[in-house]
């Protein structure tokens, strides 16, 4: 996603499309992987997101917001 955003700012639209295709393929493959894991042990995979994952995502969101604020000046 970061590469696609950068490519959009640089007006490299062919690269935006390529990044979108790569992201879609990665998303689909991770969904297939999760579904196989879930079907193997539904009880272990139905508890929701881990605390570590949520923490990492929160840090990334805060870092992204800080970069946007710094870039806006």
PDB file of N, CA and C in Angstrom:
ATOM      1  N   UNK A   1       0.825  -1.182   0.000  1.00  0.00           N
ATOM      2  CA  UNK A   1       0.000   0.000   0.000  1.00  0.00           C
ATOM      3  C   UNK A   1       0.870   1.248   0.000  1.00  0.00           C
ATOM      4  N   UNK A   2       1.946   1.208   0.779  1.00  0.00           N
ATOM      5  CA  UNK A   2       2.838   2.355   0.811  1.00  0.00           C
ATOM      6  C   UNK A   2       3.442   2.651  -0.545  1.00  0.00           C
ATOM      7  N   UNK A   3       3.837   1.609  -1.257  1.00  0.00           N
ATOM      8  CA  UNK A   3       4.402   1.793  -2.589  1.00  0.00           C
ATOM      9  C   UNK A   3       3.356   2.350  -3.552  1.00  0.00           C
ATOM     10  N   UNK A   4       2.124   1.924  -3.422  1.00  0.00           N
ATOM     11  CA  UNK A   4       1.064   2.428  -4.298  1.00  0.00           C
ATOM     12  C   UNK A   4       0.794   3.901  -4.025  1.00  0.00           C
ATOM     13  N   UNK A   5       0.811   4.294  -2.769  1.00  0.00           N
ATOM     14  CA  UNK A   5       0.598   5.706  -2.434  1.00  0.00           C
ATOM     15  C   UNK A   5       1.742   6.552  -2.976  1.00  0.00           C
ATOM     16  N   UNK A   6       2.975   6.075  -2.778  1.00  0.00           N
ATOM     17  CA  UNK A   6       4.131   6.806  -3.305  1.00  0.00           C
ATOM     18  C   UNK A   6       4.030   6.946  -4.818  1.00  0.00           C
ATOM     19  N   UNK A   7       3.666   5.846  -5.485  1.00  0.00           N
ATOM     20  CA  UNK A   7       3.559   5.868  -6.941  1.00  0.00           C
ATOM     21  C   UNK A   7       2.473   6.843  -7.397  1.00  0.00           C
ATOM     22  N   UNK A   8       1.398   6.938  -6.647  1.00  0.00           N
ATOM     23  CA  UNK A   8       0.331   7.872  -7.003  1.00  0.00           C
ATOM     24  C   UNK A   8       0.811   9.314  -6.874  1.00  0.00           C
ATOM     25  N   UNK A   9       1.560   9.605  -5.820  1.00  0.00           N
ATOM     26  CA  UNK A   9       2.090  10.956  -5.661  1.00  0.00           C
ATOM     27  C   UNK A   9       3.092  11.306  -6.761  1.00  0.00           C
ATOM     28  N   UNK A  10       3.777  10.313  -7.271  1.00  0.00           N
ATOM     29  CA  UNK A  10       4.747  10.533  -8.347  1.00  0.00           C
ATOM     30  C   UNK A  10       4.121  10.405  -9.738  1.00  0.00           C
ATOM     31  N   UNK A  11       2.811  10.188  -9.794  1.00  0.00           N
ATOM     32  CA  UNK A  11       2.056  10.050 -11.046  1.00  0.00           C
ATOM     33  C   UNK A  11       2.568   8.890 -11.898  1.00  0.00           C
ATOM     34  N   UNK A  12       2.924   7.808 -11.259  1.00  0.00           N
ATOM     35  CA  UNK A  12       3.334   6.588 -11.959  1.00  0.00           C
ATOM     36  C   UNK A  12       2.162   5.595 -11.870  1.00  0.00           C
ATOM     37  N   UNK A  13       1.172   5.819 -12.717  1.00  0.00           N
ATOM     38  CA  UNK A  13      -0.083   5.097 -12.596  1.00  0.00           C
ATOM     39  C   UNK A  13       0.058   3.621 -12.920  1.00  0.00           C
ATOM     40  N   UNK A  14       0.986   3.269 -13.776  1.00  0.00           N
ATOM     41  CA  UNK A  14       1.195   1.853 -14.069  1.00  0.00           C
ATOM     42  C   UNK A  14       1.670   1.117 -12.819  1.00  0.00           C
ATOM     43  N   UNK A  15       2.480   1.804 -11.990  1.00  0.00           N
ATOM     44  CA  UNK A  15       2.972   1.185 -10.767  1.00  0.00           C
ATOM     45  C   UNK A  15       1.869   1.079  -9.712  1.00  0.00           C
ATOM     46  N   UNK A  16       0.958   2.045  -9.709  1.00  0.00           N
ATOM     47  CA  UNK A  16      -0.191   1.971  -8.796  1.00  0.00           C
ATOM     48  C   UNK A  16      -1.013   0.722  -9.110  1.00  0.00           C
ATOM     49  N   UNK A  17      -1.269   0.484 -10.375  1.00  0.00           N
ATOM     50  CA  UNK A  17      -2.021  -0.710 -10.782  1.00  0.00           C
ATOM     51  C   UNK A  17      -1.297  -1.993 -10.425  1.00  0.00           C
ATOM     52  N   UNK A  18       0.007  -2.013 -10.648  1.00  0.00           N
ATOM     53  CA  UNK A  18       0.805  -3.184 -10.313  1.00  0.00           C
ATOM     54  C   UNK A  18       0.782  -3.463  -8.809  1.00  0.00           C
ATOM     55  N   UNK A  19       0.897  -2.412  -8.012  1.00  0.00           N
ATOM     56  CA  UNK A  19       0.836  -2.572  -6.551  1.00  0.00           C
ATOM     57  C   UNK A  19      -0.537  -3.056  -6.102  1.00  0.00           C
ATOM     58  N   UNK A  20      -1.583  -2.565  -6.750  1.00  0.00           N
ATOM     59  CA  UNK A  20      -2.937  -3.000  -6.413  1.00  0.00           C
ATOM     60  C   UNK A  20      -3.127  -4.479  -6.730  1.00  0.00           C
ATOM     61  N   UNK A  21      -2.597  -4.914  -7.852  1.00  0.00           N
ATOM     62  CA  UNK A  21      -2.699  -6.333  -8.212  1.00  0.00           C
ATOM     63  C   UNK A  21      -1.924  -7.192  -7.222  1.00  0.00           C
ATOM     64  N   UNK A  22      -0.698  -6.772  -6.879  1.00  0.00           N
ATOM     65  CA  UNK A  22       0.119  -7.524  -5.921  1.00  0.00           C
ATOM     66  C   UNK A  22      -0.556  -7.567  -4.552  1.00  0.00           C
ATOM     67  N   UNK A  23      -1.128  -6.452  -4.124  1.00  0.00           N
ATOM     68  CA  UNK A  23      -1.833  -6.419  -2.839  1.00  0.00           C
ATOM     69  C   UNK A  23      -3.050  -7.324  -2.831  1.00  0.00           C
ATOM     70  N   UNK A  24      -3.789  -7.345  -3.934  1.00  0.00           N
ATOM     71  CA  UNK A  24      -4.961  -8.216  -4.036  1.00  0.00           C
ATOM     72  C   UNK A  24      -4.594  -9.685  -3.992  1.00  0.00           C
ATOM     73  N   UNK A  25      -3.511 -10.030  -4.667  1.00  0.00           N
ATOM     74  CA  UNK A  25      -3.054 -11.429  -4.647  1.00  0.00           C
ATOM     75  C   UNK A  25      -2.612 -11.817  -3.246  1.00  0.00           C
ATOM     76  N   UNK A  26      -1.864 -10.931  -2.579  1.00  0.00           N
ATOM     77  CA  UNK A  26      -1.437 -11.210  -1.211  1.00  0.00           C
ATOM     78  C   UNK A  26      -2.613 -11.353  -0.262  1.00  0.00           C
ATOM     79  N   UNK A  27      -3.615 -10.503  -0.416  1.00  0.00           N
ATOM     80  CA  UNK A  27      -4.809 -10.570   0.425  1.00  0.00           C
ATOM     81  C   UNK A  27      -5.554 -11.884   0.202  1.00  0.00           C
ATOM     82  N   UNK A  28      -5.695 -12.280  -1.045  1.00  0.00           N
ATOM     83  CA  UNK A  28      -6.391 -13.526  -1.353  1.00  0.00           C
ATOM     84  C   UNK A  28      -5.639 -14.737  -0.798  1.00  0.00           C
ATOM     85  N   UNK A  29      -4.318 -14.746  -0.953  1.00  0.00           N
ATOM     86  CA  UNK A  29      -3.530 -15.869  -0.440  1.00  0.00           C
ATOM     87  C   UNK A  29      -3.568 -15.943   1.087  1.00  0.00           C
ATOM     88  N   UNK A  30      -3.539 -14.788   1.759  1.00  0.00           N
ATOM     89  CA  UNK A  30      -3.615 -14.824   3.215  1.00  0.00           C
ATOM     90  C   UNK A  30      -4.994 -15.291   3.683  1.00  0.00           C
ATOM     91  N   UNK A  31      -6.035 -14.960   2.915  1.00  0.00           N
ATOM     92  CA  UNK A  31      -7.375 -15.436   3.252  1.00  0.00           C
ATOM     93  C   UNK A  31      -7.486 -16.945   3.119  1.00  0.00           C
ATOM     94  N   UNK A  32      -6.888 -17.493   2.065  1.00  0.00           N
ATOM     95  CA  UNK A  32      -6.892 -18.945   1.870  1.00  0.00           C
ATOM     96  C   UNK A  32      -6.127 -19.620   3.003  1.00  0.00           C
ATOM     97  N   UNK A  33      -4.984 -19.040   3.363  1.00  0.00           N
ATOM     98  CA  UNK A  33      -4.166 -19.611   4.453  1.00  0.00           C
ATOM     99  C   UNK A  33      -4.935 -19.599   5.773  1.00  0.00           C
ATOM    100  N   UNK A  34      -5.601 -18.462   6.072  1.00  0.00           N
ATOM    101  CA  UNK A  34      -6.365 -18.373   7.311  1.00  0.00           C
ATOM    102  C   UNK A  34      -7.517 -19.375   7.312  1.00  0.00           C
ATOM    103  N   UNK A  35      -8.202 -19.521   6.197  1.00  0.00           N
ATOM    104  CA  UNK A  35      -9.338 -20.443   6.133  1.00  0.00           C
ATOM    105  C   UNK A  35      -8.888 -21.878   6.377  1.00  0.00           C
ATOM    106  N   UNK A  36      -7.745 -22.249   5.832  1.00  0.00           N
ATOM    107  CA  UNK A  36      -7.227 -23.603   6.090  1.00  0.00           C
ATOM    108  C   UNK A  36      -6.893 -23.788   7.565  1.00  0.00           C
ATOM    109  N   UNK A  37      -6.267 -22.782   8.166  1.00  0.00           N
ATOM    110  CA  UNK A  37      -5.942 -22.859   9.605  1.00  0.00           C
ATOM    111  C   UNK A  37      -7.208 -22.939  10.439  1.00  0.00           C
ATOM    112  N   UNK A  38      -8.198 -22.128  10.087  1.00  0.00           N
ATOM    113  CA  UNK A  38      -9.446 -22.103  10.846  1.00  0.00           C
ATOM    114  C   UNK A  38     -10.177 -23.432  10.754  1.00  0.00           C
ATOM    115  N   UNK A  39     -10.221 -24.001   9.577  1.00  0.00           N
ATOM    116  CA  UNK A  39     -10.904 -25.286   9.430  1.00  0.00           C
ATOM    117  C   UNK A  39     -10.179 -26.398  10.177  1.00  0.00           C
ATOM    118  N   UNK A  40      -8.859 -26.264  10.341  1.00  0.00           N
ATOM    119  CA  UNK A  40      -8.095 -27.269  11.079  1.00  0.00           C
ATOM    120  C   UNK A  40      -8.353 -27.212  12.579  1.00  0.00           C
ATOM    121  N   UNK A  41      -8.540 -26.011  13.132  1.00  0.00           N
ATOM    122  CA  UNK A  41      -8.767 -25.843  14.570  1.00  0.00           C
ATOM    123  C   UNK A  41      -9.603 -24.587  14.794  1.00  0.00           C
ATOM    124  N   UNK A  42     -10.936 -24.684  14.626  1.00  0.00           N
ATOM    125  CA  UNK A  42     -11.785 -23.493  14.715  1.00  0.00           C
ATOM    126  C   UNK A  42     -11.741 -22.797  16.074  1.00  0.00           C
ATOM    127  N   UNK A  43     -11.635 -23.542  17.148  1.00  0.00           N
ATOM    128  CA  UNK A  43     -11.659 -22.929  18.474  1.00  0.00           C
ATOM    129  C   UNK A  43     -10.446 -22.027  18.693  1.00  0.00           C
ATOM    130  N   UNK A  44      -9.306 -22.411  18.210  1.00  0.00           N
ATOM    131  CA  UNK A  44      -8.087 -21.622  18.419  1.00  0.00           C
ATOM    132  C   UNK A  44      -8.068 -20.356  17.565  1.00  0.00           C
ATOM    133  N   UNK A  45      -8.755 -20.354  16.435  1.00  0.00           N
ATOM    134  CA  UNK A  45      -8.695 -19.217  15.520  1.00  0.00           C
ATOM    135  C   UNK A  45      -9.926 -18.330  15.570  1.00  0.00           C
ATOM    136  N   UNK A  46     -10.830 -18.568  16.472  1.00  0.00           N
ATOM    137  CA  UNK A  46     -12.062 -17.777  16.517  1.00  0.00           C
ATOM    138  C   UNK A  46     -12.074 -16.758  17.641  1.00  0.00           C
ATOM    139  N   UNK A  47     -10.955 -16.571  18.318  1.00  0.00           N
ATOM    140  CA  UNK A  47     -10.918 -15.660  19.466  1.00  0.00           C
ATOM    141  C   UNK A  47     -10.668 -14.213  19.085  1.00  0.00           C
ATOM    142  N   UNK A  48     -10.409 -13.898  17.857  1.00  0.00           N
ATOM    143  CA  UNK A  48     -10.165 -12.519  17.444  1.00  0.00           C
ATOM    144  C   UNK A  48      -8.686 -12.239  17.269  1.00  0.00           C
ATOM    145  N   UNK A  49      -8.371 -10.975  17.099  1.00  0.00           N
ATOM    146  CA  UNK A  49      -6.994 -10.560  16.849  1.00  0.00           C
ATOM    147  C   UNK A  49      -6.175 -10.608  18.135  1.00  0.00           C
ATOM    148  N   UNK A  50      -4.891 -10.882  18.004  1.00  0.00           N
ATOM    149  CA  UNK A  50      -4.022 -10.920  19.163  1.00  0.00           C
ATOM    150  C   UNK A  50      -3.706  -9.504  19.630  1.00  0.00           C
ATOM    151  N   UNK A  51      -3.345  -9.370  20.873  1.00  0.00           N
ATOM    152  CA  UNK A  51      -3.001  -8.074  21.442  1.00  0.00           C
ATOM    153  C   UNK A  51      -1.749  -7.519  20.750  1.00  0.00           C
ATOM    154  N   UNK A  52      -0.793  -8.380  20.453  1.00  0.00           N
ATOM    155  CA  UNK A  52       0.429  -7.940  19.776  1.00  0.00           C
ATOM    156  C   UNK A  52       0.117  -7.360  18.399  1.00  0.00           C
ATOM    157  N   UNK A  53      -0.722  -8.017  17.638  1.00  0.00           N
ATOM    158  CA  UNK A  53      -1.084  -7.516  16.322  1.00  0.00           C
ATOM    159  C   UNK A  53      -1.785  -6.164  16.421  1.00  0.00           C
ATOM    160  N   UNK A  54      -2.708  -6.027  17.346  1.00  0.00           N
ATOM    161  CA  UNK A  54      -3.409  -4.761  17.522  1.00  0.00           C
ATOM    162  C   UNK A  54      -2.448  -3.651  17.938  1.00  0.00           C
ATOM    163  N   UNK A  55      -1.465  -3.970  18.776  1.00  0.00           N
ATOM    164  CA  UNK A  55      -0.471  -2.991  19.192  1.00  0.00           C
ATOM    165  C   UNK A  55       0.377  -2.538  18.002  1.00  0.00           C
ATOM    166  N   UNK A  56       0.833  -3.490  17.205  1.00  0.00           N
ATOM    167  CA  UNK A  56       1.647  -3.158  16.032  1.00  0.00           C
ATOM    168  C   UNK A  56       0.849  -2.291  15.062  1.00  0.00           C
ATOM    169  N   UNK A  57      -0.402  -2.614  14.843  1.00  0.00           N
ATOM    170  CA  UNK A  57      -1.232  -1.818  13.948  1.00  0.00           C
ATOM    171  C   UNK A  57      -1.442  -0.410  14.496  1.00  0.00           C
ATOM    172  N   UNK A  58      -1.636  -0.282  15.795  1.00  0.00           N
ATOM    173  CA  UNK A  58      -1.798   1.037  16.407  1.00  0.00           C
ATOM    174  C   UNK A  58      -0.530   1.873  16.244  1.00  0.00           C
ATOM    175  N   UNK A  59       0.629   1.256  16.431  1.00  0.00           N
ATOM    176  CA  UNK A  59       1.899   1.973  16.249  1.00  0.00           C
ATOM    177  C   UNK A  59       2.048   2.433  14.804  1.00  0.00           C
ATOM    178  N   UNK A  60       1.697   1.582  13.854  1.00  0.00           N
ATOM    179  CA  UNK A  60       1.786   1.959  12.447  1.00  0.00           C
ATOM    180  C   UNK A  60       0.834   3.102  12.097  1.00  0.00           C
ATOM    181  N   UNK A  61      -0.357   3.078  12.662  1.00  0.00           N
ATOM    182  CA  UNK A  61      -1.321   4.155  12.406  1.00  0.00           C
ATOM    183  C   UNK A  61      -0.805   5.473  12.972  1.00  0.00           C
ATOM    184  N   UNK A  62      -0.272   5.435  14.179  1.00  0.00           N
ATOM    185  CA  UNK A  62       0.258   6.658  14.802  1.00  0.00           C
ATOM    186  C   UNK A  62       1.461   7.176  14.015  1.00  0.00           C
ATOM    187  N   UNK A  63       2.345   6.278  13.586  1.00  0.00           N
ATOM    188  CA  UNK A  63       3.505   6.693  12.791  1.00  0.00           C
ATOM    189  C   UNK A  63       3.063   7.290  11.457  1.00  0.00           C
ATOM    190  N   UNK A  64       2.081   6.689  10.824  1.00  0.00           N
ATOM    191  CA  UNK A  64       1.569   7.226   9.562  1.00  0.00           C
ATOM    192  C   UNK A  64       0.940   8.596   9.736  1.00  0.00           C
ATOM    193  N   UNK A  65       0.186   8.782  10.813  1.00  0.00           N
ATOM    194  CA  UNK A  65      -0.423  10.081  11.087  1.00  0.00           C
ATOM    195  C   UNK A  65       0.665  11.133  11.352  1.00  0.00           C
ATOM    196  N   UNK A  66       1.709  10.739  12.061  1.00  0.00           N
ATOM    197  CA  UNK A  66       2.809  11.681  12.332  1.00  0.00           C
ATOM    198  C   UNK A  66       3.505  12.069  11.027  1.00  0.00           C
ATOM    199  N   UNK A  67       3.722  11.120  10.137  1.00  0.00           N
ATOM    200  CA  UNK A  67       4.344  11.432   8.850  1.00  0.00           C
ATOM    201  C   UNK A  67       3.471  12.360   8.016  1.00  0.00           C
ATOM    202  N   UNK A  68       2.167  12.147   8.066  1.00  0.00           N
ATOM    203  CA  UNK A  68       1.265  13.027   7.335  1.00  0.00           C
ATOM    204  C   UNK A  68       1.315  14.454   7.891  1.00  0.00           C
ATOM    205  N   UNK A  69       1.381  14.563   9.207  1.00  0.00           N
ATOM    206  CA  UNK A  69       1.441  15.897   9.822  1.00  0.00           C
ATOM    207  C   UNK A  69       2.752  16.592   9.506  1.00  0.00           C
ATOM    208  N   UNK A  70       3.849  15.861   9.546  1.00  0.00           N
ATOM    209  CA  UNK A  70       5.156  16.447   9.229  1.00  0.00           C
ATOM    210  C   UNK A  70       5.225  16.833   7.756  1.00  0.00           C
ATOM    211  N   UNK A  71       4.670  16.004   6.891  1.00  0.00           N
ATOM    212  CA  UNK A  71       4.685  16.287   5.471  1.00  0.00           C
ATOM    213  C   UNK A  71       3.782  17.444   5.079  1.00  0.00           C
ATOM    214  N   UNK A  72       2.774  17.756   5.879  1.00  0.00           N
ATOM    215  CA  UNK A  72       1.844  18.823   5.574  1.00  0.00           C
ATOM    216  C   UNK A  72       2.453  20.202   5.831  1.00  0.00           C
ATOM    217  N   UNK A  73       3.519  20.253   6.578  1.00  0.00           N
ATOM    218  CA  UNK A  73       4.136  21.568   6.908  1.00  0.00           C
ATOM    219  C   UNK A  73       5.059  22.019   5.850  1.00  0.00           C
TER     220      UNK A  73
END
